[in-house]
């Protein structure tokens, strides 16, 4: 084999090694990198947890708004008012007995 044939083999070998290295790097980045598949799965799991938390908070907010409306000037729920007075102020009627 002459000098030209050897240099072509070396260049071909180095090109193959370079291509394999690039494919390995990009494959690793696609899976493990900051924008890879594993990061995507983690973000999706966090999104699902936050969505559940949002739904719970929205339910709590709706409940609080309902209670506030029921104690407002527009609509007064006497049972709720009685319950709140007993709970917050510790009020009882004269004919009631408190058991702790």
N, C-alpha and C. Protein backbone atom coordinates (compact mmCIF):
# COMPACT_ATOMS: atom_id res chain seq x y z
N UNK A 1 0.84 -1.16 0.00
CA UNK A 1 0.00 0.00 0.00
C UNK A 1 0.89 1.23 0.00
N UNK A 2 0.53 2.16 -0.77
CA UNK A 2 1.36 3.36 -0.85
C UNK A 2 0.93 4.36 0.22
N UNK A 3 1.64 5.47 0.25
CA UNK A 3 1.41 6.53 1.24
C UNK A 3 0.02 7.12 1.11
N UNK A 4 -0.50 7.28 -0.08
CA UNK A 4 -1.82 7.87 -0.31
C UNK A 4 -2.91 6.95 0.22
N UNK A 5 -2.77 5.68 0.04
CA UNK A 5 -3.76 4.71 0.52
C UNK A 5 -3.83 4.68 2.04
N UNK A 6 -2.64 4.77 2.68
CA UNK A 6 -2.61 4.78 4.14
C UNK A 6 -3.26 6.05 4.69
N UNK A 7 -3.00 7.18 4.05
CA UNK A 7 -3.58 8.44 4.55
C UNK A 7 -5.10 8.44 4.35
N UNK A 8 -5.57 7.80 3.27
CA UNK A 8 -7.01 7.71 3.06
C UNK A 8 -7.66 6.83 4.12
N UNK A 9 -6.99 5.73 4.49
CA UNK A 9 -7.51 4.85 5.54
C UNK A 9 -7.56 5.57 6.88
N UNK A 10 -6.52 6.34 7.19
CA UNK A 10 -6.48 7.08 8.45
C UNK A 10 -7.58 8.14 8.47
N UNK A 11 -7.74 8.86 7.37
CA UNK A 11 -8.78 9.90 7.28
C UNK A 11 -10.16 9.24 7.39
N UNK A 12 -10.36 8.14 6.72
CA UNK A 12 -11.64 7.42 6.80
C UNK A 12 -11.92 6.94 8.22
N UNK A 13 -10.87 6.44 8.89
CA UNK A 13 -11.03 5.97 10.27
C UNK A 13 -11.37 7.14 11.20
N UNK A 14 -10.66 8.25 11.06
CA UNK A 14 -10.91 9.42 11.91
C UNK A 14 -12.31 9.99 11.65
N UNK A 15 -12.73 9.98 10.41
CA UNK A 15 -14.07 10.47 10.07
C UNK A 15 -15.13 9.58 10.72
N UNK A 16 -14.91 8.26 10.67
CA UNK A 16 -15.86 7.33 11.29
C UNK A 16 -15.91 7.53 12.80
N UNK A 17 -14.76 7.69 13.41
CA UNK A 17 -14.70 7.92 14.86
C UNK A 17 -15.40 9.23 15.20
N UNK A 18 -15.18 10.25 14.41
CA UNK A 18 -15.83 11.54 14.64
C UNK A 18 -17.34 11.46 14.52
N UNK A 19 -17.83 10.76 13.52
CA UNK A 19 -19.27 10.60 13.32
C UNK A 19 -19.88 9.83 14.49
N UNK A 20 -19.21 8.75 14.91
CA UNK A 20 -19.70 7.96 16.04
C UNK A 20 -19.72 8.82 17.31
N UNK A 21 -18.68 9.63 17.52
CA UNK A 21 -18.63 10.49 18.70
C UNK A 21 -19.76 11.52 18.67
N UNK A 22 -20.02 12.12 17.52
CA UNK A 22 -21.11 13.09 17.41
C UNK A 22 -22.47 12.44 17.65
N UNK A 23 -22.68 11.27 17.09
CA UNK A 23 -23.95 10.57 17.30
C UNK A 23 -24.11 10.23 18.78
N UNK A 24 -23.05 9.77 19.42
CA UNK A 24 -23.11 9.44 20.85
C UNK A 24 -23.41 10.69 21.68
N UNK A 25 -22.76 11.80 21.37
CA UNK A 25 -22.98 13.06 22.11
C UNK A 25 -24.42 13.53 21.95
N UNK A 26 -24.92 13.56 20.73
CA UNK A 26 -26.28 14.05 20.51
C UNK A 26 -27.33 13.09 21.10
N UNK A 27 -27.05 11.80 21.09
CA UNK A 27 -27.96 10.83 21.71
C UNK A 27 -28.00 11.04 23.22
N UNK A 28 -26.86 11.22 23.83
CA UNK A 28 -26.80 11.47 25.26
C UNK A 28 -27.53 12.77 25.61
N UNK A 29 -27.31 13.81 24.83
CA UNK A 29 -27.97 15.09 25.08
C UNK A 29 -29.48 14.99 24.92
N UNK A 30 -29.94 14.19 23.97
CA UNK A 30 -31.37 14.06 23.74
C UNK A 30 -32.05 13.33 24.90
N UNK A 31 -31.31 12.51 25.61
CA UNK A 31 -31.90 11.76 26.72
C UNK A 31 -31.62 12.44 28.06
N UNK A 32 -30.37 12.77 28.33
CA UNK A 32 -29.96 13.25 29.64
C UNK A 32 -29.79 14.76 29.74
N UNK A 33 -29.72 15.46 28.67
CA UNK A 33 -29.42 16.88 28.68
C UNK A 33 -30.50 17.74 29.31
N UNK A 34 -30.23 19.03 29.43
CA UNK A 34 -31.20 19.93 30.06
C UNK A 34 -32.53 20.04 29.31
N UNK A 35 -32.53 19.71 28.06
CA UNK A 35 -33.76 19.72 27.26
C UNK A 35 -34.12 18.31 26.78
N UNK A 36 -33.59 17.30 27.48
CA UNK A 36 -33.78 15.91 27.07
C UNK A 36 -35.08 15.31 27.55
N UNK A 37 -35.24 14.05 27.24
CA UNK A 37 -36.47 13.33 27.54
C UNK A 37 -36.70 13.18 29.05
N UNK A 38 -35.65 12.90 29.81
CA UNK A 38 -35.81 12.74 31.25
C UNK A 38 -36.27 14.03 31.90
N UNK A 39 -35.73 15.14 31.46
CA UNK A 39 -36.16 16.43 31.98
C UNK A 39 -37.61 16.70 31.61
N UNK A 40 -38.00 16.32 30.43
CA UNK A 40 -39.39 16.49 30.00
C UNK A 40 -40.33 15.69 30.90
N UNK A 41 -39.96 14.45 31.23
CA UNK A 41 -40.80 13.62 32.10
C UNK A 41 -40.91 14.24 33.50
N UNK A 42 -39.80 14.77 34.02
CA UNK A 42 -39.83 15.40 35.33
C UNK A 42 -40.75 16.63 35.32
N UNK A 43 -40.67 17.41 34.27
CA UNK A 43 -41.51 18.61 34.16
C UNK A 43 -42.98 18.22 34.05
N UNK A 44 -43.28 17.17 33.31
CA UNK A 44 -44.67 16.73 33.18
C UNK A 44 -45.21 16.22 34.51
N UNK A 45 -44.39 15.53 35.30
CA UNK A 45 -44.83 15.06 36.62
C UNK A 45 -45.09 16.25 37.54
N UNK A 46 -44.20 17.23 37.49
CA UNK A 46 -44.39 18.42 38.32
C UNK A 46 -45.64 19.17 37.90
N UNK A 47 -45.90 19.24 36.61
CA UNK A 47 -47.11 19.90 36.12
C UNK A 47 -48.36 19.19 36.63
N UNK A 48 -48.35 17.88 36.64
CA UNK A 48 -49.51 17.12 37.12
C UNK A 48 -49.74 17.38 38.61
N UNK A 49 -48.66 17.40 39.41
CA UNK A 49 -48.79 17.69 40.84
C UNK A 49 -49.33 19.10 41.06
N UNK A 50 -48.81 20.06 40.31
CA UNK A 50 -49.26 21.44 40.46
C UNK A 50 -50.70 21.61 40.00
N UNK A 51 -51.12 20.85 39.00
CA UNK A 51 -52.51 20.91 38.54
C UNK A 51 -53.45 20.41 39.63
N UNK A 52 -53.08 19.33 40.31
CA UNK A 52 -53.89 18.82 41.42
C UNK A 52 -53.95 19.83 42.56
N UNK A 53 -52.81 20.46 42.83
CA UNK A 53 -52.77 21.47 43.88
C UNK A 53 -53.64 22.67 43.51
N UNK A 54 -53.62 23.06 42.25
CA UNK A 54 -54.45 24.17 41.78
C UNK A 54 -55.93 23.85 41.94
N UNK A 55 -56.31 22.64 41.58
CA UNK A 55 -57.72 22.25 41.70
C UNK A 55 -58.16 22.27 43.16
N UNK A 56 -57.29 21.80 44.07
CA UNK A 56 -57.63 21.82 45.50
C UNK A 56 -57.78 23.25 46.00
N UNK A 57 -56.89 24.13 45.57
CA UNK A 57 -56.97 25.53 45.99
C UNK A 57 -58.19 26.23 45.41
N UNK A 58 -58.56 25.89 44.18
CA UNK A 58 -59.76 26.48 43.58
C UNK A 58 -61.01 26.04 44.33
N UNK A 59 -61.06 24.78 44.75
CA UNK A 59 -62.18 24.30 45.54
C UNK A 59 -62.25 25.01 46.89
N UNK A 60 -61.10 25.17 47.52
CA UNK A 60 -61.04 25.88 48.80
C UNK A 60 -61.48 27.34 48.64
N UNK A 61 -61.06 27.97 47.57
CA UNK A 61 -61.45 29.35 47.30
C UNK A 61 -62.96 29.46 47.07
N UNK A 62 -63.52 28.54 46.31
CA UNK A 62 -64.96 28.55 46.05
C UNK A 62 -65.74 28.37 47.35
N UNK A 63 -65.27 27.48 48.21
CA UNK A 63 -65.92 27.27 49.49
C UNK A 63 -65.86 28.53 50.35
N UNK A 64 -64.71 29.17 50.37
CA UNK A 64 -64.56 30.40 51.16
C UNK A 64 -65.43 31.52 50.60
N UNK A 65 -65.50 31.63 49.28
CA UNK A 65 -66.36 32.65 48.67
C UNK A 65 -67.83 32.39 49.01
N UNK A 66 -68.24 31.13 49.00
CA UNK A 66 -69.62 30.78 49.32
C UNK A 66 -69.94 31.17 50.77
N UNK A 67 -69.02 30.85 51.68
CA UNK A 67 -69.25 31.20 53.09
C UNK A 67 -69.29 32.71 53.27
N UNK A 68 -68.41 33.42 52.59
CA UNK A 68 -68.39 34.88 52.70
C UNK A 68 -69.69 35.47 52.15
N UNK A 69 -70.18 34.93 51.05
CA UNK A 69 -71.44 35.42 50.48
C UNK A 69 -72.60 35.15 51.43
N UNK A 70 -72.58 33.98 52.07
CA UNK A 70 -73.67 33.63 52.97
C UNK A 70 -73.68 34.48 54.23
N UNK A 71 -72.56 35.14 54.54
CA UNK A 71 -72.51 36.05 55.69
C UNK A 71 -72.58 37.52 55.26
N UNK A 72 -72.78 37.78 53.99
CA UNK A 72 -72.80 39.17 53.50
C UNK A 72 -74.15 39.83 53.77
N UNK A 73 -74.21 41.14 53.49
CA UNK A 73 -75.44 41.90 53.69
C UNK A 73 -76.53 41.48 52.70
N UNK A 74 -76.12 41.03 51.52
CA UNK A 74 -77.08 40.66 50.49
C UNK A 74 -77.84 39.38 50.86
N UNK A 75 -77.19 38.46 51.53
CA UNK A 75 -77.79 37.17 51.83
C UNK A 75 -77.23 36.72 53.18
N UNK A 76 -78.05 36.67 54.18
CA UNK A 76 -77.57 36.30 55.51
C UNK A 76 -78.13 34.94 55.89
N UNK A 77 -77.26 33.98 56.05
CA UNK A 77 -77.63 32.64 56.47
C UNK A 77 -77.53 32.59 57.99
N UNK A 78 -78.68 32.54 58.66
CA UNK A 78 -78.70 32.61 60.12
C UNK A 78 -78.04 31.40 60.76
N UNK A 79 -78.18 30.25 60.17
CA UNK A 79 -77.52 29.06 60.71
C UNK A 79 -76.00 29.20 60.67
N UNK A 80 -75.48 29.72 59.56
CA UNK A 80 -74.04 29.92 59.44
C UNK A 80 -73.58 31.00 60.41
N UNK A 81 -74.36 32.06 60.57
CA UNK A 81 -74.02 33.12 61.51
C UNK A 81 -73.97 32.56 62.93
N UNK A 82 -74.96 31.74 63.29
CA UNK A 82 -74.99 31.12 64.61
C UNK A 82 -73.77 30.22 64.81
N UNK A 83 -73.44 29.45 63.79
CA UNK A 83 -72.28 28.55 63.87
C UNK A 83 -70.99 29.34 64.07
N UNK A 84 -70.83 30.43 63.31
CA UNK A 84 -69.62 31.25 63.42
C UNK A 84 -69.54 31.93 64.78
N UNK A 85 -70.66 32.43 65.30
CA UNK A 85 -70.66 33.09 66.60
C UNK A 85 -70.26 32.09 67.69
N UNK A 86 -70.76 30.89 67.60
CA UNK A 86 -70.39 29.87 68.58
C UNK A 86 -68.91 29.51 68.48
N UNK A 87 -68.45 29.37 67.26
CA UNK A 87 -67.07 28.94 67.03
C UNK A 87 -66.06 30.03 67.40
N UNK A 88 -66.28 31.24 66.90
CA UNK A 88 -65.30 32.31 67.07
C UNK A 88 -65.42 32.96 68.45
N UNK A 89 -66.63 33.27 68.87
CA UNK A 89 -66.82 34.01 70.11
C UNK A 89 -67.05 33.12 71.31
N UNK A 90 -67.32 31.85 71.08
CA UNK A 90 -67.55 30.93 72.18
C UNK A 90 -68.90 31.13 72.83
N UNK A 91 -69.87 31.62 72.08
CA UNK A 91 -71.20 31.88 72.62
C UNK A 91 -72.04 30.61 72.67
N UNK A 92 -72.90 30.53 73.69
CA UNK A 92 -73.85 29.42 73.79
C UNK A 92 -75.19 29.98 74.27
N UNK A 93 -76.21 29.21 74.04
CA UNK A 93 -77.53 29.59 74.56
C UNK A 93 -77.62 29.16 76.01
N UNK A 94 -78.57 29.72 76.74
CA UNK A 94 -78.70 29.42 78.16
C UNK A 94 -79.12 28.00 78.45
N UNK A 95 -79.82 27.36 77.51
CA UNK A 95 -80.31 26.01 77.75
C UNK A 95 -79.39 24.92 77.21
N UNK A 96 -78.18 25.27 76.79
CA UNK A 96 -77.24 24.30 76.22
C UNK A 96 -76.20 23.89 77.24
N UNK A 97 -75.69 22.68 77.08
CA UNK A 97 -74.63 22.16 77.92
C UNK A 97 -73.43 21.88 77.02
N UNK A 98 -72.25 22.32 77.43
CA UNK A 98 -71.02 22.12 76.65
C UNK A 98 -70.30 20.89 77.19
N UNK A 99 -69.98 19.97 76.32
CA UNK A 99 -69.23 18.77 76.67
C UNK A 99 -67.90 18.84 75.94
N UNK A 100 -66.81 18.78 76.69
CA UNK A 100 -65.50 18.86 76.08
C UNK A 100 -64.79 17.53 76.12
